[in-house]
Amino acid sequence: MHAESPPPPTAVASPPSATGRSTPRRWRQLGLLSAAMGTDSGEQSAVSVMFPAMRTALGLPLSALSLLVAVGRLAGVVFGPLWVGLAQRFPRKYVLAVCSGLWGLWTIATGFAQNHGQLLVLFGVAAAGLAGAGPLINGILADLFDDRTRGRAAGVLFGSVALFTALLGPLLGHLSQLDDGWRYGFFILGGLQLLSGLALLLFFEDPGVGAAEPQLASLDAGSRKPRSRAFDRASLRRLAGIRSFPLMCLQRLLSAQFVMVAFGVVFLVDARGFGNSEASLVVFPAALSYLLGTLAGGVLADRVQRRFPRSGRIAVLQAAFLAYGAIAYVATQIAWSHLGIYAFLFSLLGALQGVQPGVNRPVVMAITPPELRSAAFAVFIGIEGVGWAAITLAVGYLGDGIGLQDAFLWVVVVVVLVGGLLATPLYRTYARDVAALQAELDRRAADNRPLPNDVQS
């Protein structure tokens, strides 16, 4: 794209994929990916919304919610890389259909748990399969859309997940009023996961690694397919050598926004005295705001990035973090008497959280080579999972000891503000890393070379 000398006649300087239009039916493919991610993410929503009913039925302590959330996130740390490795040995389509869809049988099995131990084991096994969806889907999204449209595409992807959660939350809340209604929630989710897996098998078309990169568009899919291992030392060294990538991972380690998703309903029940079904009503407006935030945030980030290519996405990301911390303080440290006020504040938090996928995912895509993107997202989401697990465990145990309000102050408000400040060094490194990657892709196009067989090359 920006090579100093024109490519040789065998290379294509500006193919149609420079605008992302050459990938056939990319929005339909994104719809299938959105359905898969939505049903997978619904499992965490089910635990959060239905936990008060599960706690009563199985005699669980508050810390049990922390353990369930932690197990779900840590499963991604361990098993996410394994699914990415399998996707290099076998077609991504089939691996994704198994881990994000057909694995739903274990979600159904979770609904049959009879005690805390069974619930933890079955939920953990289900989470081990679903852990592959995040890194694979994010990597495929980068192959469907070019850099100019990835923010919008990521917004649509995560917005669709939010819409699913918005519809699912009240349903699960009302199911909690039935005897063993929480079990039906897991049965419904597992069934939807199975359907999404079948849809992927029947209708999904893999665009191929690097398909959206204009410099690589002249290469056939076989030439663009990486043949190196996903998680050898050379791959990890290359990722660590991209200066912005460790900084993004560190920031995600301190992303405590997910605590509001996991503990929001429980906070309103335990700390503010609302009923379970009543408190679950805030899930819909918060998830709807998250939806609007993802859609608007992705478009906004793309536009700001085009206007300020060196720092646009980083500025949007930092502003969303700092604003979230300020509003989280108002929402959790001041006791409001009306549920409507909490619905409004939680909606603002949802919108600010929704901005982030349309920013941080394109940032990672813009700085990592195509053959390393799924591996990068496995690491990125894995570290995010470690942070989520540690933070939710801290909230659960601190909540038992000092109360959820004080736990939210230290583990949510303060941590999110620190995470926002950690975006500052990215202003220096991001533009350099993007330029370095584009120069590498330009060299490959000039030499008409495929992706490296060995990531050490």
Protein backbone atom coordinates (compact mmCIF):
# COMPACT_ATOMS: atom_id res chain seq x y z
CA MET A 1 0.00 0.00 0.00
CA HIS A 2 2.72 2.45 0.91
CA ALA A 3 5.83 0.81 -0.50
CA GLU A 4 8.55 3.25 -1.54
CA SER A 5 8.97 1.57 -4.93
CA PRO A 6 6.22 0.13 -7.15
CA PRO A 7 5.75 -3.64 -7.05
CA PRO A 8 6.83 -5.79 -9.92
CA PRO A 9 4.28 -6.66 -12.62
CA THR A 10 3.41 -9.96 -10.93
CA ALA A 11 2.19 -8.21 -7.77
CA VAL A 12 -1.08 -6.39 -7.35
CA ALA A 13 -0.67 -2.97 -5.81
CA SER A 14 -4.29 -2.04 -5.10
CA PRO A 15 -6.68 -4.98 -5.49
CA PRO A 16 -10.41 -4.65 -4.83
CA SER A 17 -9.93 -6.06 -1.34
CA ALA A 18 -8.39 -2.77 -0.30
CA THR A 19 -11.92 -1.69 0.45
CA GLY A 20 -12.95 -5.10 1.74
CA ARG A 21 -15.38 -5.72 -1.16
CA SER A 22 -13.68 -8.76 -2.66
CA THR A 23 -14.65 -11.17 0.12
CA PRO A 24 -17.95 -12.71 -0.99
CA ARG A 25 -20.97 -12.54 1.31
CA ARG A 26 -18.84 -11.18 4.15
CA TRP A 27 -21.80 -9.74 6.07
CA ARG A 28 -23.65 -13.04 5.89
CA GLN A 29 -20.54 -14.77 7.19
CA LEU A 30 -20.36 -12.18 9.98
CA GLY A 31 -23.98 -12.97 10.85
CA LEU A 32 -23.11 -16.63 11.33
CA LEU A 33 -20.12 -15.69 13.49
CA SER A 34 -22.31 -13.32 15.53
CA ALA A 35 -24.83 -16.08 16.20
CA ALA A 36 -22.06 -18.40 17.38
CA MET A 37 -20.49 -15.81 19.67
CA GLY A 38 -23.87 -14.67 21.00
CA THR A 39 -24.94 -18.12 22.12
CA ASP A 40 -21.51 -18.77 23.64
CA SER A 41 -21.49 -15.48 25.56
CA GLY A 42 -24.99 -16.22 26.79
CA GLU A 43 -23.56 -18.82 29.16
CA GLN A 44 -21.86 -16.16 31.28
CA SER A 45 -25.07 -14.11 31.20
CA ALA A 46 -27.07 -17.11 32.37
CA VAL A 47 -24.84 -17.60 35.41
CA SER A 48 -24.95 -13.92 36.36
CA VAL A 49 -28.69 -13.38 35.95
CA MET A 50 -29.84 -16.69 37.42
CA PHE A 51 -27.29 -16.96 40.22
CA PRO A 52 -29.67 -15.80 42.98
CA ALA A 53 -32.03 -18.66 42.05
CA MET A 54 -29.14 -21.11 41.71
CA ARG A 55 -27.81 -19.97 45.09
CA THR A 56 -31.14 -20.75 46.74
CA ALA A 57 -31.62 -24.09 44.98
CA LEU A 58 -28.11 -25.44 45.60
CA GLY A 59 -27.18 -23.56 48.80
CA LEU A 60 -24.29 -21.64 47.24
CA PRO A 61 -22.28 -18.81 48.85
CA LEU A 62 -21.73 -15.52 47.02
CA SER A 63 -18.16 -16.57 46.29
CA ALA A 64 -19.53 -19.43 44.17
CA LEU A 65 -20.43 -16.88 41.50
CA SER A 66 -16.84 -15.69 41.50
CA LEU A 67 -15.61 -19.26 41.11
CA LEU A 68 -17.96 -19.96 38.20
CA VAL A 69 -16.97 -16.79 36.38
CA ALA A 70 -13.29 -17.44 37.11
CA VAL A 71 -13.48 -21.02 35.83
CA GLY A 72 -15.17 -19.80 32.67
CA ARG A 73 -12.48 -17.21 32.02
CA LEU A 74 -9.50 -19.36 33.00
CA ALA A 75 -10.74 -22.07 30.65
CA GLY A 76 -10.06 -19.62 27.86
CA VAL A 77 -6.47 -19.20 29.03
CA VAL A 78 -5.79 -22.93 28.88
CA PHE A 79 -7.99 -24.16 26.05
CA GLY A 80 -8.18 -21.15 23.72
CA PRO A 81 -4.64 -21.76 22.39
CA LEU A 82 -5.40 -25.46 21.94
CA TRP A 83 -8.39 -24.71 19.70
CA VAL A 84 -6.28 -22.25 17.69
CA GLY A 85 -3.65 -24.95 17.24
CA LEU A 86 -6.31 -27.39 16.02
CA ALA A 87 -7.54 -24.76 13.56
CA GLN A 88 -4.11 -24.80 11.94
CA ARG A 89 -4.21 -28.55 11.49
CA PHE A 90 -7.85 -28.80 10.42
CA PRO A 91 -10.23 -26.39 8.60
CA ARG A 92 -11.20 -23.47 10.82
CA LYS A 93 -14.85 -23.92 9.87
CA TYR A 94 -15.06 -27.37 11.43
CA VAL A 95 -13.05 -26.52 14.52
CA LEU A 96 -15.22 -23.45 15.15
CA ALA A 97 -18.43 -25.42 14.61
CA VAL A 98 -17.34 -27.97 17.22
CA CYS A 99 -16.01 -25.67 19.93
CA SER A 100 -18.66 -22.94 19.69
CA GLY A 101 -21.65 -25.01 18.62
CA LEU A 102 -21.71 -28.77 19.04
CA TRP A 103 -19.99 -28.40 22.42
CA GLY A 104 -23.35 -27.04 23.61
CA LEU A 105 -24.17 -30.56 24.78
CA TRP A 106 -22.08 -29.74 27.86
CA THR A 107 -24.12 -26.58 28.45
CA ILE A 108 -27.24 -28.74 28.48
CA ALA A 109 -25.51 -31.11 30.90
CA THR A 110 -24.77 -28.17 33.24
CA GLY A 111 -28.50 -27.78 33.76
CA PHE A 112 -28.58 -31.21 35.41
CA ALA A 113 -26.08 -30.29 38.17
CA GLN A 114 -27.23 -31.34 41.65
CA ASN A 115 -24.63 -29.60 43.84
CA HIS A 116 -21.87 -27.02 43.84
CA GLY A 117 -19.16 -29.45 42.74
CA GLN A 118 -21.13 -30.83 39.79
CA LEU A 119 -22.10 -27.33 38.71
CA LEU A 120 -18.48 -26.18 38.77
CA VAL A 121 -17.15 -29.20 36.84
CA LEU A 122 -19.86 -29.24 34.16
CA PHE A 123 -19.72 -25.48 33.68
CA GLY A 124 -15.93 -25.69 33.41
CA VAL A 125 -16.07 -28.42 30.74
CA ALA A 126 -18.60 -26.38 28.76
CA ALA A 127 -16.39 -23.30 29.06
CA ALA A 128 -13.35 -25.27 27.82
CA GLY A 129 -15.05 -25.77 24.48
CA LEU A 130 -16.50 -22.29 24.16
CA ALA A 131 -13.01 -20.87 24.82
CA GLY A 132 -12.10 -21.46 21.18
CA ALA A 133 -14.78 -19.15 19.78
CA GLY A 134 -13.21 -15.82 20.76
CA PRO A 135 -9.75 -16.13 19.20
CA LEU A 136 -11.00 -17.95 16.09
CA ILE A 137 -13.89 -15.57 15.39
CA ASN A 138 -11.74 -12.47 15.92
CA GLY A 139 -9.08 -13.87 13.60
CA ILE A 140 -11.65 -14.69 10.92
CA LEU A 141 -13.20 -11.22 11.23
CA ALA A 142 -9.83 -9.71 10.32
CA ASP A 143 -9.80 -11.93 7.22
CA LEU A 144 -13.30 -10.81 6.19
CA PHE A 145 -12.82 -7.03 6.60
CA ASP A 146 -9.97 -4.64 5.84
CA ASP A 147 -8.60 -2.11 8.33
CA ARG A 148 -10.94 0.70 7.24
CA THR A 149 -14.05 -1.28 8.15
CA ARG A 150 -12.93 -3.55 11.00
CA GLY A 151 -14.21 -1.21 13.69
CA ARG A 152 -17.70 -1.24 12.19
CA ALA A 153 -17.57 -5.00 11.69
CA ALA A 154 -16.41 -5.58 15.27
CA GLY A 155 -19.21 -3.27 16.43
CA VAL A 156 -21.77 -5.33 14.55
CA LEU A 157 -20.32 -8.57 15.92
CA PHE A 158 -20.32 -7.51 19.56
CA GLY A 159 -23.52 -5.52 19.11
CA SER A 160 -25.27 -8.68 17.97
CA VAL A 161 -24.00 -10.40 21.09
CA ALA A 162 -25.38 -7.54 23.16
CA LEU A 163 -28.77 -7.79 21.46
CA PHE A 164 -28.90 -11.48 22.25
CA THR A 165 -28.02 -10.75 25.88
CA ALA A 166 -30.64 -7.99 26.05
CA LEU A 167 -33.33 -10.42 24.98
CA LEU A 168 -31.99 -13.28 27.06
CA GLY A 169 -31.62 -11.43 30.38
CA PRO A 170 -35.30 -10.79 31.18
CA LEU A 171 -36.22 -14.29 29.99
CA LEU A 172 -33.71 -15.88 32.34
CA GLY A 173 -34.80 -13.56 35.13
CA HIS A 174 -38.39 -14.74 34.79
CA LEU A 175 -37.31 -18.36 34.53
CA SER A 176 -35.70 -17.93 37.95
CA GLN A 177 -39.20 -17.57 39.42
CA LEU A 178 -40.04 -21.15 38.42
CA ASP A 179 -39.02 -24.23 40.37
CA ASP A 180 -35.65 -25.25 38.87
CA GLY A 181 -36.19 -22.55 36.24
CA TRP A 182 -32.44 -21.91 36.08
CA ARG A 183 -32.00 -25.40 34.66
CA TYR A 184 -34.23 -24.54 31.71
CA GLY A 185 -31.96 -21.57 31.03
CA PHE A 186 -29.00 -23.88 30.45
CA PHE A 187 -31.13 -26.24 28.36
CA ILE A 188 -32.24 -23.37 26.10
CA LEU A 189 -28.70 -22.03 25.72
CA GLY A 190 -27.27 -25.45 24.91
CA GLY A 191 -29.93 -25.99 22.25
CA LEU A 192 -29.16 -22.64 20.65
CA GLN A 193 -25.45 -23.46 20.64
CA LEU A 194 -26.13 -26.73 18.85
CA LEU A 195 -28.19 -24.89 16.22
CA SER A 196 -25.44 -22.32 15.66
CA GLY A 197 -22.90 -25.11 15.22
CA LEU A 198 -25.04 -26.77 12.58
CA ALA A 199 -25.49 -23.43 10.80
CA LEU A 200 -21.70 -22.97 10.67
CA LEU A 201 -21.24 -26.45 9.21
CA LEU A 202 -23.87 -25.89 6.53
CA PHE A 203 -23.44 -22.25 5.53
CA PHE A 204 -20.14 -20.75 6.69
CA GLU A 205 -17.44 -20.06 4.07
CA ASP A 206 -13.93 -19.44 5.41
CA PRO A 207 -12.32 -16.52 3.53
CA GLY A 208 -8.81 -17.79 4.28
CA VAL A 209 -6.00 -16.30 6.36
CA GLY A 210 -5.00 -12.80 5.19
CA ALA A 211 -7.82 -12.55 2.63
CA ALA A 212 -8.64 -8.92 3.52
CA GLU A 213 -5.06 -7.64 3.26
CA PRO A 214 -4.72 -5.79 -0.07
CA GLN A 215 -1.04 -6.71 -0.36
CA LEU A 216 -1.84 -10.45 -0.16
CA ALA A 217 -4.99 -10.49 -2.29
CA SER A 218 -3.09 -11.71 -5.37
CA LEU A 219 -2.06 -14.89 -3.56
CA ASP A 220 -4.32 -17.93 -3.57
CA ALA A 221 -5.79 -19.23 -0.32
CA GLY A 222 -3.31 -22.10 -0.20
CA SER A 223 -0.35 -19.73 -0.38
CA ARG A 224 -1.82 -17.51 2.32
CA LYS A 225 -2.45 -20.40 4.71
CA PRO A 226 0.17 -20.48 7.48
CA ARG A 227 1.95 -23.77 7.97
CA SER A 228 3.79 -22.93 11.16
CA ARG A 229 2.73 -23.87 14.66
CA ALA A 230 0.47 -21.41 16.43
CA PHE A 231 2.14 -21.34 19.81
CA ASP A 232 5.81 -22.15 19.46
CA ARG A 233 8.41 -19.90 21.03
CA ALA A 234 9.06 -18.03 17.80
CA SER A 235 5.39 -17.03 17.50
CA LEU A 236 5.26 -15.78 21.06
CA ARG A 237 8.54 -13.91 20.62
CA ARG A 238 7.17 -12.18 17.55
CA LEU A 239 4.05 -11.12 19.43
CA ALA A 240 6.10 -9.90 22.39
CA GLY A 241 8.29 -7.94 20.01
CA ILE A 242 5.32 -5.90 18.76
CA ARG A 243 5.61 -3.09 21.29
CA SER A 244 1.91 -2.23 21.42
CA PHE A 245 0.77 -5.81 21.95
CA PRO A 246 2.11 -6.30 25.53
CA LEU A 247 0.68 -2.88 26.42
CA MET A 248 -2.74 -3.86 25.10
CA CYS A 249 -2.55 -7.12 27.05
CA LEU A 250 -1.61 -5.28 30.24
CA GLN A 251 -4.55 -2.95 29.83
CA ARG A 252 -6.93 -5.86 29.27
CA LEU A 253 -5.57 -7.50 32.41
CA LEU A 254 -7.02 -4.54 34.34
CA SER A 255 -10.33 -4.36 32.48
CA ALA A 256 -12.77 -4.66 35.37
CA GLN A 257 -15.84 -3.62 33.37
CA PHE A 258 -16.94 -7.24 33.17
CA VAL A 259 -17.60 -7.25 36.90
CA MET A 260 -20.73 -5.20 36.34
CA VAL A 261 -21.99 -7.86 33.96
CA ALA A 262 -21.29 -10.66 36.43
CA PHE A 263 -22.36 -8.92 39.64
CA GLY A 264 -24.73 -6.15 38.56
CA VAL A 265 -27.96 -8.01 39.34
CA VAL A 266 -26.52 -9.51 42.53
CA PHE A 267 -25.38 -6.03 43.63
CA LEU A 268 -28.91 -4.66 43.24
CA VAL A 269 -30.36 -7.62 45.16
CA ASP A 270 -27.85 -7.77 48.02
CA ALA A 271 -26.67 -4.17 48.41
CA ARG A 272 -29.77 -2.24 47.32
CA GLY A 273 -32.62 -4.56 48.34
CA PHE A 274 -34.36 -5.12 45.00
CA GLY A 275 -35.95 -8.46 44.12
CA ASN A 276 -34.23 -10.85 41.70
CA SER A 277 -36.79 -10.54 38.89
CA GLU A 278 -37.05 -6.77 39.45
CA ALA A 279 -33.28 -6.27 39.42
CA SER A 280 -32.92 -8.36 36.24
CA LEU A 281 -34.92 -5.70 34.40
CA VAL A 282 -31.81 -3.50 34.23
CA VAL A 283 -30.17 -6.13 32.02
CA PHE A 284 -32.25 -5.18 28.99
CA PRO A 285 -31.51 -1.43 28.85
CA ALA A 286 -27.85 -2.03 29.77
CA ALA A 287 -27.45 -4.65 27.03
CA LEU A 288 -29.33 -2.45 24.56
CA SER A 289 -26.99 0.42 25.37
CA TYR A 290 -24.06 -1.93 24.93
CA LEU A 291 -25.49 -2.75 21.51
CA LEU A 292 -25.74 0.93 20.59
CA GLY A 293 -22.27 1.52 22.02
CA THR A 294 -20.71 -1.21 19.91
CA LEU A 295 -22.36 -0.03 16.70
CA ALA A 296 -21.70 3.67 17.30
CA GLY A 297 -18.29 3.04 18.84
CA GLY A 298 -17.05 0.96 15.92
CA VAL A 299 -18.15 3.56 13.37
CA LEU A 300 -16.79 6.41 15.52
CA ALA A 301 -13.45 4.69 16.01
CA ASP A 302 -13.08 4.06 12.27
CA ARG A 303 -13.83 7.70 11.49
CA VAL A 304 -11.56 9.08 14.19
CA GLN A 305 -8.81 6.73 13.05
CA ARG A 306 -9.12 7.97 9.46
CA ARG A 307 -8.97 11.55 10.72
CA PHE A 308 -6.10 10.90 13.14
CA PRO A 309 -4.35 7.76 11.83
CA ARG A 310 -1.55 7.84 14.39
CA SER A 311 -3.68 8.01 17.54
CA GLY A 312 -7.42 7.97 16.79
CA ARG A 313 -8.29 4.53 18.10
CA ILE A 314 -6.09 4.94 21.16
CA ALA A 315 -7.78 8.22 22.11
CA VAL A 316 -11.25 6.67 21.82
CA LEU A 317 -10.15 3.66 23.89
CA GLN A 318 -8.67 5.78 26.68
CA ALA A 319 -11.67 8.12 26.84
CA ALA A 320 -14.05 5.15 27.17
CA PHE A 321 -12.02 3.73 30.07
CA LEU A 322 -11.80 6.94 32.04
CA ALA A 323 -15.48 7.81 31.56
CA TYR A 324 -16.46 4.30 32.64
CA GLY A 325 -14.53 4.61 35.90
CA ALA A 326 -16.20 7.93 36.74
CA ILE A 327 -19.74 6.68 36.07
CA ALA A 328 -19.09 3.39 37.87
CA TYR A 329 -18.33 5.43 40.98
CA VAL A 330 -21.69 7.21 40.75
CA ALA A 331 -23.55 3.96 40.08
CA THR A 332 -22.04 1.90 42.90
CA GLN A 333 -21.01 4.31 45.63
CA ILE A 334 -24.22 6.36 45.86
CA ALA A 335 -27.39 4.65 47.09
CA TRP A 336 -30.27 5.54 44.75
CA SER A 337 -33.83 4.77 45.76
CA HIS A 338 -35.32 4.17 42.31
CA LEU A 339 -34.47 1.27 40.04
CA GLY A 340 -34.85 3.59 37.04
CA ILE A 341 -31.76 5.54 38.09
CA TYR A 342 -29.72 2.35 38.20
CA ALA A 343 -31.12 1.35 34.81
CA PHE A 344 -29.93 4.70 33.41
CA LEU A 345 -26.46 4.50 34.99
CA PHE A 346 -26.01 0.85 34.01
CA SER A 347 -27.03 1.83 30.48
CA LEU A 348 -24.28 4.46 30.36
CA LEU A 349 -21.80 1.85 31.57
CA GLY A 350 -23.05 -0.57 28.96
CA ALA A 351 -22.59 1.99 26.19
CA LEU A 352 -19.04 2.81 27.30
CA GLN A 353 -18.14 -0.85 27.57
CA GLY A 354 -19.65 -1.41 24.14
CA VAL A 355 -17.27 1.10 22.58
CA GLN A 356 -14.24 -0.99 23.45
CA PRO A 357 -14.55 -4.09 21.16
CA GLY A 358 -14.81 -1.84 18.12
CA VAL A 359 -11.51 -0.25 19.17
CA ASN A 360 -9.26 -2.79 20.88
CA ARG A 361 -9.92 -5.62 18.40
CA PRO A 362 -8.99 -3.51 15.34
CA VAL A 363 -5.93 -2.26 17.24
CA VAL A 364 -4.69 -5.83 17.71
CA MET A 365 -5.55 -6.68 14.09
CA ALA A 366 -3.67 -3.61 12.80
CA ILE A 367 -0.41 -4.47 14.55
CA THR A 368 -0.20 -8.26 14.10
CA PRO A 369 0.59 -10.21 10.89
CA PRO A 370 -2.34 -12.22 9.46
CA GLU A 371 -0.81 -15.59 10.32
CA LEU A 372 -0.47 -14.60 13.99
CA ARG A 373 -3.84 -12.96 14.59
CA SER A 374 -5.73 -15.94 15.98
CA ALA A 375 -2.75 -16.70 18.21
CA ALA A 376 -2.63 -13.04 19.26
CA PHE A 377 -6.30 -13.10 20.19
CA ALA A 378 -5.86 -16.34 22.10
CA VAL A 379 -3.17 -14.60 24.17
CA PHE A 380 -5.14 -11.34 24.37
CA ILE A 381 -8.40 -13.00 25.41
CA GLY A 382 -6.51 -15.39 27.68
CA ILE A 383 -4.87 -12.53 29.57
CA GLU A 384 -8.22 -10.79 29.66
CA GLY A 385 -9.59 -13.99 31.18
CA VAL A 386 -6.88 -14.04 33.85
CA GLY A 387 -7.74 -10.46 34.77
CA TRP A 388 -11.45 -11.20 34.75
CA ALA A 389 -10.99 -14.28 36.92
CA ALA A 390 -8.75 -12.49 39.44
CA ILE A 391 -11.00 -9.43 39.61
CA THR A 392 -14.23 -11.38 39.95
CA LEU A 393 -12.71 -13.61 42.62
CA ALA A 394 -11.60 -10.48 44.48
CA VAL A 395 -15.09 -8.98 44.23
CA GLY A 396 -16.73 -12.19 45.42
CA TYR A 397 -14.52 -12.72 48.44
CA LEU A 398 -14.31 -9.03 49.30
CA GLY A 399 -18.07 -8.81 48.87
CA ASP A 400 -18.52 -11.54 51.47
CA GLY A 401 -16.15 -9.68 53.81
CA ILE A 402 -16.67 -5.92 53.37
CA GLY A 403 -19.77 -5.78 51.16
CA LEU A 404 -20.21 -5.36 47.43
CA GLN A 405 -20.26 -1.56 47.53
CA ASP A 406 -16.75 -1.28 48.96
CA ALA A 407 -15.54 -4.15 46.79
CA PHE A 408 -16.78 -2.31 43.69
CA LEU A 409 -14.95 0.85 44.72
CA TRP A 410 -11.51 -0.79 44.86
CA VAL A 411 -11.84 -3.59 42.33
CA VAL A 412 -13.91 -1.80 39.68
CA VAL A 413 -13.65 1.98 39.91
CA VAL A 414 -9.97 2.24 40.83
CA VAL A 415 -8.82 -0.61 38.58
CA VAL A 416 -10.65 0.74 35.51
CA LEU A 417 -9.19 4.21 35.99
CA VAL A 418 -5.70 2.72 36.22
CA GLY A 419 -6.40 0.75 33.05
CA GLY A 420 -7.36 3.96 31.28
CA LEU A 421 -4.08 5.58 32.26
CA LEU A 422 -2.17 2.60 30.88
CA ALA A 423 -3.38 3.52 27.38
CA THR A 424 -1.05 6.55 27.38
CA PRO A 425 2.14 4.75 26.19
CA LEU A 426 0.19 3.41 23.19
CA TYR A 427 0.20 6.88 21.63
CA ARG A 428 3.91 6.35 20.95
CA THR A 429 4.01 2.69 19.96
CA TYR A 430 0.80 2.09 17.97
CA ALA A 431 1.63 4.18 14.90
CA ARG A 432 5.13 2.68 14.70
CA ASP A 433 3.83 -0.88 14.89
CA VAL A 434 1.18 -0.28 12.23
CA ALA A 435 3.79 1.23 9.90
CA ALA A 436 6.13 -1.72 10.52
CA LEU A 437 3.42 -4.26 9.66
CA GLN A 438 2.40 -2.43 6.49
CA ALA A 439 6.03 -2.29 5.40
CA GLU A 440 6.32 -6.05 5.96
CA LEU A 441 3.17 -6.74 3.93
CA ASP A 442 4.39 -4.43 1.17
CA ARG A 443 7.65 -6.41 1.01
CA ARG A 444 5.72 -9.66 0.73
CA ALA A 445 3.62 -8.20 -2.08
CA ALA A 446 6.70 -6.88 -3.87
CA ASP A 447 8.34 -10.31 -3.67
CA ASN A 448 5.02 -12.06 -4.40
CA ARG A 449 5.69 -14.22 -1.37
CA PRO A 450 3.14 -16.24 0.66
CA LEU A 451 2.93 -16.15 4.43
CA PRO A 452 6.10 -17.54 6.03
CA ASN A 453 6.27 -21.29 6.54
CA ASP A 454 8.25 -20.70 9.71
CA VAL A 455 7.32 -17.74 11.91
CA GLN A 456 10.99 -17.37 12.73
CA SER A 457 11.64 -16.17 9.17
